[in-house]
Amino acid sequence: MATAADNGSKILDPETLEILRYFKQELPMNAVSISPLFCDEVKPKFHMVMGGGVAAIMAAMTGGHSGFEAHVCNILHGNEVGKISGHYGPINSVEFFRDGRGFVSGGE
């Protein structure tokens, strides 16, 4: 999984680097994490979280839409299932907890 300069996140085949799934967003994405429960044999969770936003210096020129949210997506269905706001600058890192029941995000 990788974030892309073209405002999204890509899931790549590890052998061929073929794009398997692409999650397009309106603004740049800087970080992405797949749930550790993705491969759980009992109760898998096919979630990922990604975050980003415009550079803090440019936020005033976006008309209030700076994109400082974490986006939770279902990898299997390819859709966004939720958005969490609260950052006052771009999100630069996201990581699920080891138990998969939450995540942390960090930014400027």
PDB file of N, CA and C in Angstrom:
ATOM      1  N   MET A   1       0.849  -1.165   0.000  1.00  0.00           N
ATOM      2  CA  MET A   1       0.000   0.000   0.000  1.00  0.00           C
ATOM      3  C   MET A   1       0.890   1.221   0.000  1.00  0.00           C
ATOM      4  N   ALA A   2       0.505   2.227  -0.748  1.00  0.00           N
ATOM      5  CA  ALA A   2       1.297   3.444  -0.830  1.00  0.00           C
ATOM      6  C   ALA A   2       0.387   4.636  -1.082  1.00  0.00           C
ATOM      7  N   THR A   3       0.783   5.787  -0.554  1.00  0.00           N
ATOM      8  CA  THR A   3       0.069   7.012  -0.903  1.00  0.00           C
ATOM      9  C   THR A   3       0.661   7.519  -2.212  1.00  0.00           C
ATOM     10  N   ALA A   4      -0.109   8.341  -2.891  1.00  0.00           N
ATOM     11  CA  ALA A   4       0.308   8.782  -4.212  1.00  0.00           C
ATOM     12  C   ALA A   4       0.237  10.297  -4.329  1.00  0.00           C
ATOM     13  N   ALA A   5       1.113  10.849  -5.140  1.00  0.00           N
ATOM     14  CA  ALA A   5       1.141  12.292  -5.364  1.00  0.00           C
ATOM     15  C   ALA A   5      -0.119  12.776  -6.074  1.00  0.00           C
ATOM     16  N   ASP A   6      -0.881  11.862  -6.653  1.00  0.00           N
ATOM     17  CA  ASP A   6      -2.107  12.243  -7.362  1.00  0.00           C
ATOM     18  C   ASP A   6      -3.351  12.131  -6.477  1.00  0.00           C
ATOM     19  N   ASN A   7      -3.182  12.398  -5.174  1.00  0.00           N
ATOM     20  CA  ASN A   7      -4.299  12.506  -4.227  1.00  0.00           C
ATOM     21  C   ASN A   7      -5.017  11.195  -3.939  1.00  0.00           C
ATOM     22  N   GLY A   8      -4.287  10.160  -3.672  1.00  0.00           N
ATOM     23  CA  GLY A   8      -4.946   8.912  -3.331  1.00  0.00           C
ATOM     24  C   GLY A   8      -4.000   7.919  -2.705  1.00  0.00           C
ATOM     25  N   SER A   9      -4.521   6.711  -2.510  1.00  0.00           N
ATOM     26  CA  SER A   9      -3.736   5.592  -1.994  1.00  0.00           C
ATOM     27  C   SER A   9      -3.934   4.410  -2.917  1.00  0.00           C
ATOM     28  N   LYS A  10      -2.873   3.647  -3.102  1.00  0.00           N
ATOM     29  CA  LYS A  10      -2.908   2.510  -4.005  1.00  0.00           C
ATOM     30  C   LYS A  10      -2.532   1.239  -3.250  1.00  0.00           C
ATOM     31  N   ILE A  11      -3.237   0.160  -3.574  1.00  0.00           N
ATOM     32  CA  ILE A  11      -2.843  -1.156  -3.101  1.00  0.00           C
ATOM     33  C   ILE A  11      -2.196  -1.843  -4.293  1.00  0.00           C
ATOM     34  N   LEU A  12      -0.960  -2.289  -4.089  1.00  0.00           N
ATOM     35  CA  LEU A  12      -0.186  -2.877  -5.174  1.00  0.00           C
ATOM     36  C   LEU A  12       0.044  -4.358  -4.936  1.00  0.00           C
ATOM     37  N   ASP A  13       0.106  -5.118  -6.025  1.00  0.00           N
ATOM     38  CA  ASP A  13       0.513  -6.512  -5.944  1.00  0.00           C
ATOM     39  C   ASP A  13       1.995  -6.523  -5.604  1.00  0.00           C
ATOM     40  N   PRO A  14       2.411  -7.220  -4.537  1.00  0.00           N
ATOM     41  CA  PRO A  14       3.810  -7.166  -4.112  1.00  0.00           C
ATOM     42  C   PRO A  14       4.793  -7.790  -5.100  1.00  0.00           C
ATOM     43  N   GLU A  15       4.320  -8.651  -5.983  1.00  0.00           N
ATOM     44  CA  GLU A  15       5.213  -9.282  -6.946  1.00  0.00           C
ATOM     45  C   GLU A  15       5.303  -8.522  -8.256  1.00  0.00           C
ATOM     46  N   THR A  16       4.163  -8.037  -8.757  1.00  0.00           N
ATOM     47  CA  THR A  16       4.143  -7.388 -10.065  1.00  0.00           C
ATOM     48  C   THR A  16       4.055  -5.864  -9.987  1.00  0.00           C
ATOM     49  N   LEU A  17       3.721  -5.340  -8.800  1.00  0.00           N
ATOM     50  CA  LEU A  17       3.476  -3.909  -8.572  1.00  0.00           C
ATOM     51  C   LEU A  17       2.275  -3.386  -9.361  1.00  0.00           C
ATOM     52  N   GLU A  18       1.438  -4.302  -9.819  1.00  0.00           N
ATOM     53  CA  GLU A  18       0.203  -3.924 -10.487  1.00  0.00           C
ATOM     54  C   GLU A  18      -0.737  -3.296  -9.461  1.00  0.00           C
ATOM     55  N   ILE A  19      -1.444  -2.245  -9.854  1.00  0.00           N
ATOM     56  CA  ILE A  19      -2.401  -1.589  -8.963  1.00  0.00           C
ATOM     57  C   ILE A  19      -3.639  -2.473  -8.852  1.00  0.00           C
ATOM     58  N   LEU A  20      -3.932  -2.916  -7.634  1.00  0.00           N
ATOM     59  CA  LEU A  20      -5.097  -3.767  -7.392  1.00  0.00           C
ATOM     60  C   LEU A  20      -6.328  -2.951  -7.005  1.00  0.00           C
ATOM     61  N   ARG A  21      -6.114  -1.865  -6.286  1.00  0.00           N
ATOM     62  CA  ARG A  21      -7.209  -1.011  -5.841  1.00  0.00           C
ATOM     63  C   ARG A  21      -6.663   0.401  -5.674  1.00  0.00           C
ATOM     64  N   TYR A  22      -7.468   1.388  -6.053  1.00  0.00           N
ATOM     65  CA  TYR A  22      -7.050   2.783  -5.942  1.00  0.00           C
ATOM     66  C   TYR A  22      -8.143   3.564  -5.234  1.00  0.00           C
ATOM     67  N   PHE A  23      -7.755   4.302  -4.205  1.00  0.00           N
ATOM     68  CA  PHE A  23      -8.690   5.127  -3.431  1.00  0.00           C
ATOM     69  C   PHE A  23      -8.377   6.592  -3.710  1.00  0.00           C
ATOM     70  N   LYS A  24      -9.175   7.225  -4.535  1.00  0.00           N
ATOM     71  CA  LYS A  24      -8.958   8.616  -4.954  1.00  0.00           C
ATOM     72  C   LYS A  24      -9.570   9.567  -3.932  1.00  0.00           C
ATOM     73  N   GLN A  25      -8.844  10.625  -3.609  1.00  0.00           N
ATOM     74  CA  GLN A  25      -9.327  11.675  -2.720  1.00  0.00           C
ATOM     75  C   GLN A  25      -9.185  13.026  -3.425  1.00  0.00           C
ATOM     76  N   GLU A  26      -9.819  14.042  -2.874  1.00  0.00           N
ATOM     77  CA  GLU A  26      -9.756  15.376  -3.471  1.00  0.00           C
ATOM     78  C   GLU A  26      -8.429  16.079  -3.191  1.00  0.00           C
ATOM     79  N   LEU A  27      -7.783  15.710  -2.078  1.00  0.00           N
ATOM     80  CA  LEU A  27      -6.569  16.392  -1.645  1.00  0.00           C
ATOM     81  C   LEU A  27      -5.447  15.379  -1.442  1.00  0.00           C
ATOM     82  N   PRO A  28      -4.205  15.836  -1.349  1.00  0.00           N
ATOM     83  CA  PRO A  28      -3.064  14.917  -1.190  1.00  0.00           C
ATOM     84  C   PRO A  28      -3.177  14.034   0.053  1.00  0.00           C
ATOM     85  N   MET A  29      -2.778  12.789  -0.091  1.00  0.00           N
ATOM     86  CA  MET A  29      -2.705  11.840   1.017  1.00  0.00           C
ATOM     87  C   MET A  29      -1.234  11.581   1.314  1.00  0.00           C
ATOM     88  N   ASN A  30      -0.870  11.635   2.595  1.00  0.00           N
ATOM     89  CA  ASN A  30       0.527  11.486   3.000  1.00  0.00           C
ATOM     90  C   ASN A  30       0.837  10.166   3.682  1.00  0.00           C
ATOM     91  N   ALA A  31      -0.180   9.500   4.225  1.00  0.00           N
ATOM     92  CA  ALA A  31       0.064   8.299   5.020  1.00  0.00           C
ATOM     93  C   ALA A  31      -1.110   7.341   4.894  1.00  0.00           C
ATOM     94  N   VAL A  32      -0.806   6.047   5.039  1.00  0.00           N
ATOM     95  CA  VAL A  32      -1.845   5.020   4.948  1.00  0.00           C
ATOM     96  C   VAL A  32      -1.432   3.822   5.799  1.00  0.00           C
ATOM     97  N   SER A  33      -2.437   3.119   6.340  1.00  0.00           N
ATOM     98  CA  SER A  33      -2.184   1.926   7.147  1.00  0.00           C
ATOM     99  C   SER A  33      -3.331   0.941   6.936  1.00  0.00           C
ATOM    100  N   ILE A  34      -2.993  -0.348   6.831  1.00  0.00           N
ATOM    101  CA  ILE A  34      -3.986  -1.413   6.700  1.00  0.00           C
ATOM    102  C   ILE A  34      -4.202  -2.032   8.072  1.00  0.00           C
ATOM    103  N   SER A  35      -5.435  -2.352   8.395  1.00  0.00           N
ATOM    104  CA  SER A  35      -5.756  -2.973   9.679  1.00  0.00           C
ATOM    105  C   SER A  35      -5.005  -4.288   9.849  1.00  0.00           C
ATOM    106  N   PRO A  36      -4.438  -4.529  11.035  1.00  0.00           N
ATOM    107  CA  PRO A  36      -3.783  -5.812  11.291  1.00  0.00           C
ATOM    108  C   PRO A  36      -4.783  -6.974  11.314  1.00  0.00           C
ATOM    109  N   LEU A  37      -6.076  -6.674  11.347  1.00  0.00           N
ATOM    110  CA  LEU A  37      -7.097  -7.711  11.318  1.00  0.00           C
ATOM    111  C   LEU A  37      -7.465  -8.124   9.893  1.00  0.00           C
ATOM    112  N   PHE A  38      -6.807  -7.550   8.912  1.00  0.00           N
ATOM    113  CA  PHE A  38      -7.086  -7.868   7.512  1.00  0.00           C
ATOM    114  C   PHE A  38      -6.941  -9.367   7.248  1.00  0.00           C
ATOM    115  N   CYS A  39      -5.949  -9.988   7.839  1.00  0.00           N
ATOM    116  CA  CYS A  39      -5.675 -11.423   7.635  1.00  0.00           C
ATOM    117  C   CYS A  39      -6.152 -12.295   8.793  1.00  0.00           C
ATOM    118  N   ASP A  40      -6.992 -11.746   9.661  1.00  0.00           N
ATOM    119  CA  ASP A  40      -7.482 -12.515  10.795  1.00  0.00           C
ATOM    120  C   ASP A  40      -8.325 -13.686  10.301  1.00  0.00           C
ATOM    121  N   GLU A  41      -8.044 -14.880  10.806  1.00  0.00           N
ATOM    122  CA  GLU A  41      -8.744 -16.074  10.344  1.00  0.00           C
ATOM    123  C   GLU A  41     -10.157 -16.193  10.903  1.00  0.00           C
ATOM    124  N   VAL A  42     -10.415 -15.611  12.067  1.00  0.00           N
ATOM    125  CA  VAL A  42     -11.720 -15.739  12.707  1.00  0.00           C
ATOM    126  C   VAL A  42     -12.682 -14.633  12.276  1.00  0.00           C
ATOM    127  N   LYS A  43     -12.240 -13.389  12.385  1.00  0.00           N
ATOM    128  CA  LYS A  43     -13.118 -12.257  12.088  1.00  0.00           C
ATOM    129  C   LYS A  43     -12.309 -11.156  11.382  1.00  0.00           C
ATOM    130  N   PRO A  44     -12.043 -11.329  10.095  1.00  0.00           N
ATOM    131  CA  PRO A  44     -11.221 -10.336   9.390  1.00  0.00           C
ATOM    132  C   PRO A  44     -11.935  -8.987   9.254  1.00  0.00           C
ATOM    133  N   LYS A  45     -11.138  -7.933   9.268  1.00  0.00           N
ATOM    134  CA  LYS A  45     -11.632  -6.566   9.055  1.00  0.00           C
ATOM    135  C   LYS A  45     -10.849  -5.996   7.882  1.00  0.00           C
ATOM    136  N   PHE A  46     -11.539  -5.661   6.831  1.00  0.00           N
ATOM    137  CA  PHE A  46     -10.897  -5.206   5.604  1.00  0.00           C
ATOM    138  C   PHE A  46     -10.824  -3.685   5.545  1.00  0.00           C
ATOM    139  N   HIS A  47     -10.223  -3.087   6.579  1.00  0.00           N
ATOM    140  CA  HIS A  47     -10.174  -1.633   6.671  1.00  0.00           C
ATOM    141  C   HIS A  47      -8.770  -1.086   6.476  1.00  0.00           C
ATOM    142  N   MET A  48      -8.727   0.122   6.013  1.00  0.00           N
ATOM    143  CA  MET A  48      -7.497   0.899   5.943  1.00  0.00           C
ATOM    144  C   MET A  48      -7.831   2.308   6.368  1.00  0.00           C
ATOM    145  N   VAL A  49      -6.833   3.040   6.799  1.00  0.00           N
ATOM    146  CA  VAL A  49      -7.019   4.447   7.146  1.00  0.00           C
ATOM    147  C   VAL A  49      -5.936   5.236   6.420  1.00  0.00           C
ATOM    148  N   MET A  50      -6.316   6.379   5.877  1.00  0.00           N
ATOM    149  CA  MET A  50      -5.346   7.243   5.215  1.00  0.00           C
ATOM    150  C   MET A  50      -5.595   8.683   5.627  1.00  0.00           C
ATOM    151  N   GLY A  51      -4.551   9.481   5.579  1.00  0.00           N
ATOM    152  CA  GLY A  51      -4.668  10.879   5.969  1.00  0.00           C
ATOM    153  C   GLY A  51      -3.704  11.743   5.204  1.00  0.00           C
ATOM    154  N   GLY A  52      -3.992  13.014   5.183  1.00  0.00           N
ATOM    155  CA  GLY A  52      -3.146  13.965   4.460  1.00  0.00           C
ATOM    156  C   GLY A  52      -3.683  15.370   4.617  1.00  0.00           C
ATOM    157  N   GLY A  53      -3.822  16.042   3.493  1.00  0.00           N
ATOM    158  CA  GLY A  53      -4.301  17.414   3.481  1.00  0.00           C
ATOM    159  C   GLY A  53      -3.305  18.311   2.777  1.00  0.00           C
ATOM    160  N   VAL A  54      -3.727  19.510   2.488  1.00  0.00           N
ATOM    161  CA  VAL A  54      -2.839  20.474   1.831  1.00  0.00           C
ATOM    162  C   VAL A  54      -1.783  20.936   2.826  1.00  0.00           C
ATOM    163  N   ALA A  55      -0.687  21.445   2.326  1.00  0.00           N
ATOM    164  CA  ALA A  55       0.358  21.991   3.201  1.00  0.00           C
ATOM    165  C   ALA A  55      -0.254  23.087   4.075  1.00  0.00           C
ATOM    166  N   ALA A  56       0.156  23.125   5.327  1.00  0.00           N
ATOM    167  CA  ALA A  56      -0.424  24.067   6.289  1.00  0.00           C
ATOM    168  C   ALA A  56      -0.346  25.502   5.782  1.00  0.00           C
ATOM    169  N   ILE A  57       0.701  25.859   5.105  1.00  0.00           N
ATOM    170  CA  ILE A  57       0.866  27.224   4.603  1.00  0.00           C
ATOM    171  C   ILE A  57      -0.162  27.559   3.517  1.00  0.00           C
ATOM    172  N   MET A  58      -0.690  26.514   2.847  1.00  0.00           N
ATOM    173  CA  MET A  58      -1.665  26.722   1.774  1.00  0.00           C
ATOM    174  C   MET A  58      -3.113  26.621   2.255  1.00  0.00           C
ATOM    175  N   ALA A  59      -3.328  26.211   3.496  1.00  0.00           N
ATOM    176  CA  ALA A  59      -4.679  25.943   4.000  1.00  0.00           C
ATOM    177  C   ALA A  59      -5.606  27.150   3.910  1.00  0.00           C
ATOM    178  N   ALA A  60      -5.090  28.337   4.111  1.00  0.00           N
ATOM    179  CA  ALA A  60      -5.926  29.542   4.069  1.00  0.00           C
ATOM    180  C   ALA A  60      -6.482  29.809   2.676  1.00  0.00           C
ATOM    181  N   MET A  61      -5.846  29.275   1.658  1.00  0.00           N
ATOM    182  CA  MET A  61      -6.276  29.536   0.284  1.00  0.00           C
ATOM    183  C   MET A  61      -7.209  28.464  -0.267  1.00  0.00           C
ATOM    184  N   THR A  62      -7.602  27.489   0.548  1.00  0.00           N
ATOM    185  CA  THR A  62      -8.455  26.405   0.055  1.00  0.00           C
ATOM    186  C   THR A  62      -9.929  26.656   0.315  1.00  0.00           C
ATOM    187  N   GLY A  63     -10.282  27.797   0.849  1.00  0.00           N
ATOM    188  CA  GLY A  63     -11.679  28.104   1.119  1.00  0.00           C
ATOM    189  C   GLY A  63     -12.272  27.266   2.229  1.00  0.00           C
ATOM    190  N   GLY A  64     -11.451  26.899   3.198  1.00  0.00           N
ATOM    191  CA  GLY A  64     -11.936  26.138   4.334  1.00  0.00           C
ATOM    192  C   GLY A  64     -11.867  24.634   4.174  1.00  0.00           C
ATOM    193  N   HIS A  65     -11.507  24.131   3.006  1.00  0.00           N
ATOM    194  CA  HIS A  65     -11.403  22.689   2.797  1.00  0.00           C
ATOM    195  C   HIS A  65      -9.929  22.309   2.695  1.00  0.00           C
ATOM    196  N   SER A  66      -9.342  22.011   3.833  1.00  0.00           N
ATOM    197  CA  SER A  66      -7.909  21.729   3.873  1.00  0.00           C
ATOM    198  C   SER A  66      -7.610  20.244   3.881  1.00  0.00           C
ATOM    199  N   GLY A  67      -8.607  19.407   4.154  1.00  0.00           N
ATOM    200  CA  GLY A  67      -8.437  17.964   4.094  1.00  0.00           C
ATOM    201  C   GLY A  67      -7.710  17.351   5.265  1.00  0.00           C
ATOM    202  N   PHE A  68      -7.771  17.974   6.434  1.00  0.00           N
ATOM    203  CA  PHE A  68      -7.055  17.458   7.603  1.00  0.00           C
ATOM    204  C   PHE A  68      -7.880  16.380   8.310  1.00  0.00           C
ATOM    205  N   GLU A  69      -8.387  15.414   7.561  1.00  0.00           N
ATOM    206  CA  GLU A  69      -9.180  14.326   8.116  1.00  0.00           C
ATOM    207  C   GLU A  69      -8.500  12.989   7.865  1.00  0.00           C
ATOM    208  N   ALA A  70      -8.823  12.031   8.729  1.00  0.00           N
ATOM    209  CA  ALA A  70      -8.433  10.640   8.500  1.00  0.00           C
ATOM    210  C   ALA A  70      -9.619   9.962   7.820  1.00  0.00           C
ATOM    211  N   HIS A  71      -9.358   9.259   6.742  1.00  0.00           N
ATOM    212  CA  HIS A  71     -10.395   8.586   5.970  1.00  0.00           C
ATOM    213  C   HIS A  71     -10.293   7.081   6.222  1.00  0.00           C
ATOM    214  N   VAL A  72     -11.386   6.473   6.678  1.00  0.00           N
ATOM    215  CA  VAL A  72     -11.429   5.035   6.909  1.00  0.00           C
ATOM    216  C   VAL A  72     -12.165   4.411   5.728  1.00  0.00           C
ATOM    217  N   CYS A  73     -11.522   3.430   5.099  1.00  0.00           N
ATOM    218  CA  CYS A  73     -12.075   2.814   3.894  1.00  0.00           C
ATOM    219  C   CYS A  73     -12.169   1.302   4.042  1.00  0.00           C
ATOM    220  N   ASN A  74     -13.120   0.711   3.346  1.00  0.00           N
ATOM    221  CA  ASN A  74     -13.245  -0.735   3.260  1.00  0.00           C
ATOM    222  C   ASN A  74     -12.510  -1.170   1.993  1.00  0.00           C
ATOM    223  N   ILE A  75     -11.442  -1.929   2.160  1.00  0.00           N
ATOM    224  CA  ILE A  75     -10.625  -2.337   1.017  1.00  0.00           C
ATOM    225  C   ILE A  75     -11.388  -3.285   0.111  1.00  0.00           C
ATOM    226  N   LEU A  76     -12.150  -4.187   0.687  1.00  0.00           N
ATOM    227  CA  LEU A  76     -12.867  -5.192  -0.089  1.00  0.00           C
ATOM    228  C   LEU A  76     -13.891  -4.554  -1.023  1.00  0.00           C
ATOM    229  N   HIS A  77     -14.657  -3.597  -0.505  1.00  0.00           N
ATOM    230  CA  HIS A  77     -15.710  -2.951  -1.293  1.00  0.00           C
ATOM    231  C   HIS A  77     -15.236  -1.696  -2.023  1.00  0.00           C
ATOM    232  N   GLY A  78     -14.074  -1.168  -1.626  1.00  0.00           N
ATOM    233  CA  GLY A  78     -13.523  -0.006  -2.313  1.00  0.00           C
ATOM    234  C   GLY A  78     -14.214   1.305  -2.002  1.00  0.00           C
ATOM    235  N   ASN A  79     -14.818   1.419  -0.815  1.00  0.00           N
ATOM    236  CA  ASN A  79     -15.526   2.662  -0.491  1.00  0.00           C
ATOM    237  C   ASN A  79     -15.055   3.232   0.843  1.00  0.00           C
ATOM    238  N   GLU A  80     -15.294   4.513   1.019  1.00  0.00           N
ATOM    239  CA  GLU A  80     -15.005   5.185   2.287  1.00  0.00           C
ATOM    240  C   GLU A  80     -16.162   4.932   3.240  1.00  0.00           C
ATOM    241  N   VAL A  81     -15.844   4.510   4.464  1.00  0.00           N
ATOM    242  CA  VAL A  81     -16.897   4.219   5.441  1.00  0.00           C
ATOM    243  C   VAL A  81     -16.975   5.263   6.545  1.00  0.00           C
ATOM    244  N   GLY A  82     -15.993   6.153   6.597  1.00  0.00           N
ATOM    245  CA  GLY A  82     -16.022   7.196   7.606  1.00  0.00           C
ATOM    246  C   GLY A  82     -14.881   8.165   7.463  1.00  0.00           C
ATOM    247  N   LYS A  83     -15.063   9.316   8.114  1.00  0.00           N
ATOM    248  CA  LYS A  83     -14.052  10.367   8.077  1.00  0.00           C
ATOM    249  C   LYS A  83     -13.974  10.951   9.483  1.00  0.00           C
ATOM    250  N   ILE A  84     -12.742  11.149   9.967  1.00  0.00           N
ATOM    251  CA  ILE A  84     -12.553  11.670  11.320  1.00  0.00           C
ATOM    252  C   ILE A  84     -11.752  12.963  11.242  1.00  0.00           C
ATOM    253  N   SER A  85     -12.334  14.042  11.733  1.00  0.00           N
ATOM    254  CA  SER A  85     -11.689  15.350  11.724  1.00  0.00           C
ATOM    255  C   SER A  85     -11.013  15.614  13.060  1.00  0.00           C
ATOM    256  N   GLY A  86     -10.205  16.650  13.093  1.00  0.00           N
ATOM    257  CA  GLY A  86      -9.601  17.054  14.354  1.00  0.00           C
ATOM    258  C   GLY A  86      -8.198  17.595  14.246  1.00  0.00           C
ATOM    259  N   HIS A  87      -7.526  17.321  13.158  1.00  0.00           N
ATOM    260  CA  HIS A  87      -6.176  17.868  12.986  1.00  0.00           C
ATOM    261  C   HIS A  87      -6.257  19.330  12.535  1.00  0.00           C
ATOM    262  N   TYR A  88      -5.236  20.092  12.901  1.00  0.00           N
ATOM    263  CA  TYR A  88      -5.150  21.496  12.486  1.00  0.00           C
ATOM    264  C   TYR A  88      -4.047  21.705  11.472  1.00  0.00           C
ATOM    265  N   GLY A  89      -3.567  20.634  10.904  1.00  0.00           N
ATOM    266  CA  GLY A  89      -2.537  20.634   9.879  1.00  0.00           C
ATOM    267  C   GLY A  89      -2.574  19.292   9.181  1.00  0.00           C
ATOM    268  N   PRO A  90      -1.753  19.111   8.140  1.00  0.00           N
ATOM    269  CA  PRO A  90      -1.763  17.854   7.385  1.00  0.00           C
ATOM    270  C   PRO A  90      -1.416  16.654   8.271  1.00  0.00           C
ATOM    271  N   ILE A  91      -2.055  15.537   8.001  1.00  0.00           N
ATOM    272  CA  ILE A  91      -1.730  14.283   8.675  1.00  0.00           C
ATOM    273  C   ILE A  91      -0.537  13.679   7.942  1.00  0.00           C
ATOM    274  N   ASN A  92       0.516  13.386   8.689  1.00  0.00           N
ATOM    275  CA  ASN A  92       1.732  12.844   8.080  1.00  0.00           C
ATOM    276  C   ASN A  92       1.975  11.386   8.408  1.00  0.00           C
ATOM    277  N   SER A  93       1.255  10.844   9.390  1.00  0.00           N
ATOM    278  CA  SER A  93       1.413   9.425   9.717  1.00  0.00           C
ATOM    279  C   SER A  93       0.123   8.891  10.330  1.00  0.00           C
ATOM    280  N   VAL A  94      -0.181   7.646  10.012  1.00  0.00           N
ATOM    281  CA  VAL A  94      -1.305   6.931  10.607  1.00  0.00           C
ATOM    282  C   VAL A  94      -0.857   5.494  10.847  1.00  0.00           C
ATOM    283  N   GLU A  95      -1.348   4.898  11.919  1.00  0.00           N
ATOM    284  CA  GLU A  95      -0.999   3.506  12.221  1.00  0.00           C
ATOM    285  C   GLU A  95      -2.090   2.896  13.085  1.00  0.00           C
ATOM    286  N   PHE A  96      -2.533   1.691  12.708  1.00  0.00           N
ATOM    287  CA  PHE A  96      -3.505   0.959  13.510  1.00  0.00           C
ATOM    288  C   PHE A  96      -2.847   0.440  14.781  1.00  0.00           C
ATOM    289  N   PHE A  97      -3.637   0.324  15.847  1.00  0.00           N
ATOM    290  CA  PHE A  97      -3.186  -0.372  17.043  1.00  0.00           C
ATOM    291  C   PHE A  97      -2.964  -1.837  16.678  1.00  0.00           C
ATOM    292  N   ARG A  98      -2.122  -2.512  17.422  1.00  0.00           N
ATOM    293  CA  ARG A  98      -1.831  -3.925  17.140  1.00  0.00           C
ATOM    294  C   ARG A  98      -3.069  -4.803  17.178  1.00  0.00           C
ATOM    295  N   ASP A  99      -4.034  -4.439  18.051  1.00  0.00           N
ATOM    296  CA  ASP A  99      -5.259  -5.241  18.123  1.00  0.00           C
ATOM    297  C   ASP A  99      -6.286  -4.846  17.069  1.00  0.00           C
ATOM    298  N   GLY A 100      -5.982  -3.809  16.272  1.00  0.00           N
ATOM    299  CA  GLY A 100      -6.862  -3.394  15.184  1.00  0.00           C
ATOM    300  C   GLY A 100      -8.106  -2.647  15.617  1.00  0.00           C
ATOM    301  N   ARG A 101      -8.233  -2.308  16.885  1.00  0.00           N
ATOM    302  CA  ARG A 101      -9.467  -1.691  17.378  1.00  0.00           C
ATOM    303  C   ARG A 101      -9.439  -0.165  17.355  1.00  0.00           C
ATOM    304  N   GLY A 102      -8.393   0.408  16.804  1.00  0.00           N
ATOM    305  CA  GLY A 102      -8.283   1.850  16.712  1.00  0.00           C
ATOM    306  C   GLY A 102      -7.008   2.219  15.978  1.00  0.00           C
ATOM    307  N   PHE A 103      -6.750   3.507  15.868  1.00  0.00           N
ATOM    308  CA  PHE A 103      -5.542   3.957  15.205  1.00  0.00           C
ATOM    309  C   PHE A 103      -5.095   5.291  15.794  1.00  0.00           C
ATOM    310  N   VAL A 104      -3.869   5.648  15.518  1.00  0.00           N
ATOM    311  CA  VAL A 104      -3.334   6.953  15.903  1.00  0.00           C
ATOM    312  C   VAL A 104      -2.921   7.677  14.637  1.00  0.00           C
ATOM    313  N   SER A 105      -2.925   8.995  14.718  1.00  0.00           N
ATOM    314  CA  SER A 105      -2.478   9.801  13.587  1.00  0.00           C
ATOM    315  C   SER A 105      -1.602  10.937  14.122  1.00  0.00           C
ATOM    316  N   GLY A 106      -0.683  11.349  13.302  1.00  0.00           N
ATOM    317  CA  GLY A 106       0.205  12.439  13.701  1.00  0.00           C
ATOM    318  C   GLY A 106       0.356  13.429  12.563  1.00  0.00           C
ATOM    319  N   GLY A 107       0.593  14.674  12.911  1.00  0.00           N
ATOM    320  CA  GLY A 107       0.741  15.695  11.887  1.00  0.00           C
ATOM    321  C   GLY A 107       1.566  16.854  12.376  1.00  0.00           C
ATOM    322  N   GLU A 108       1.482  17.944  11.641  1.00  0.00           N
ATOM    323  CA  GLU A 108       2.262  19.138  11.962  1.00  0.00           C
ATOM    324  C   GLU A 108       1.641  19.888  13.121  1.00  0.00           C
TER     325      GLU A 108
END
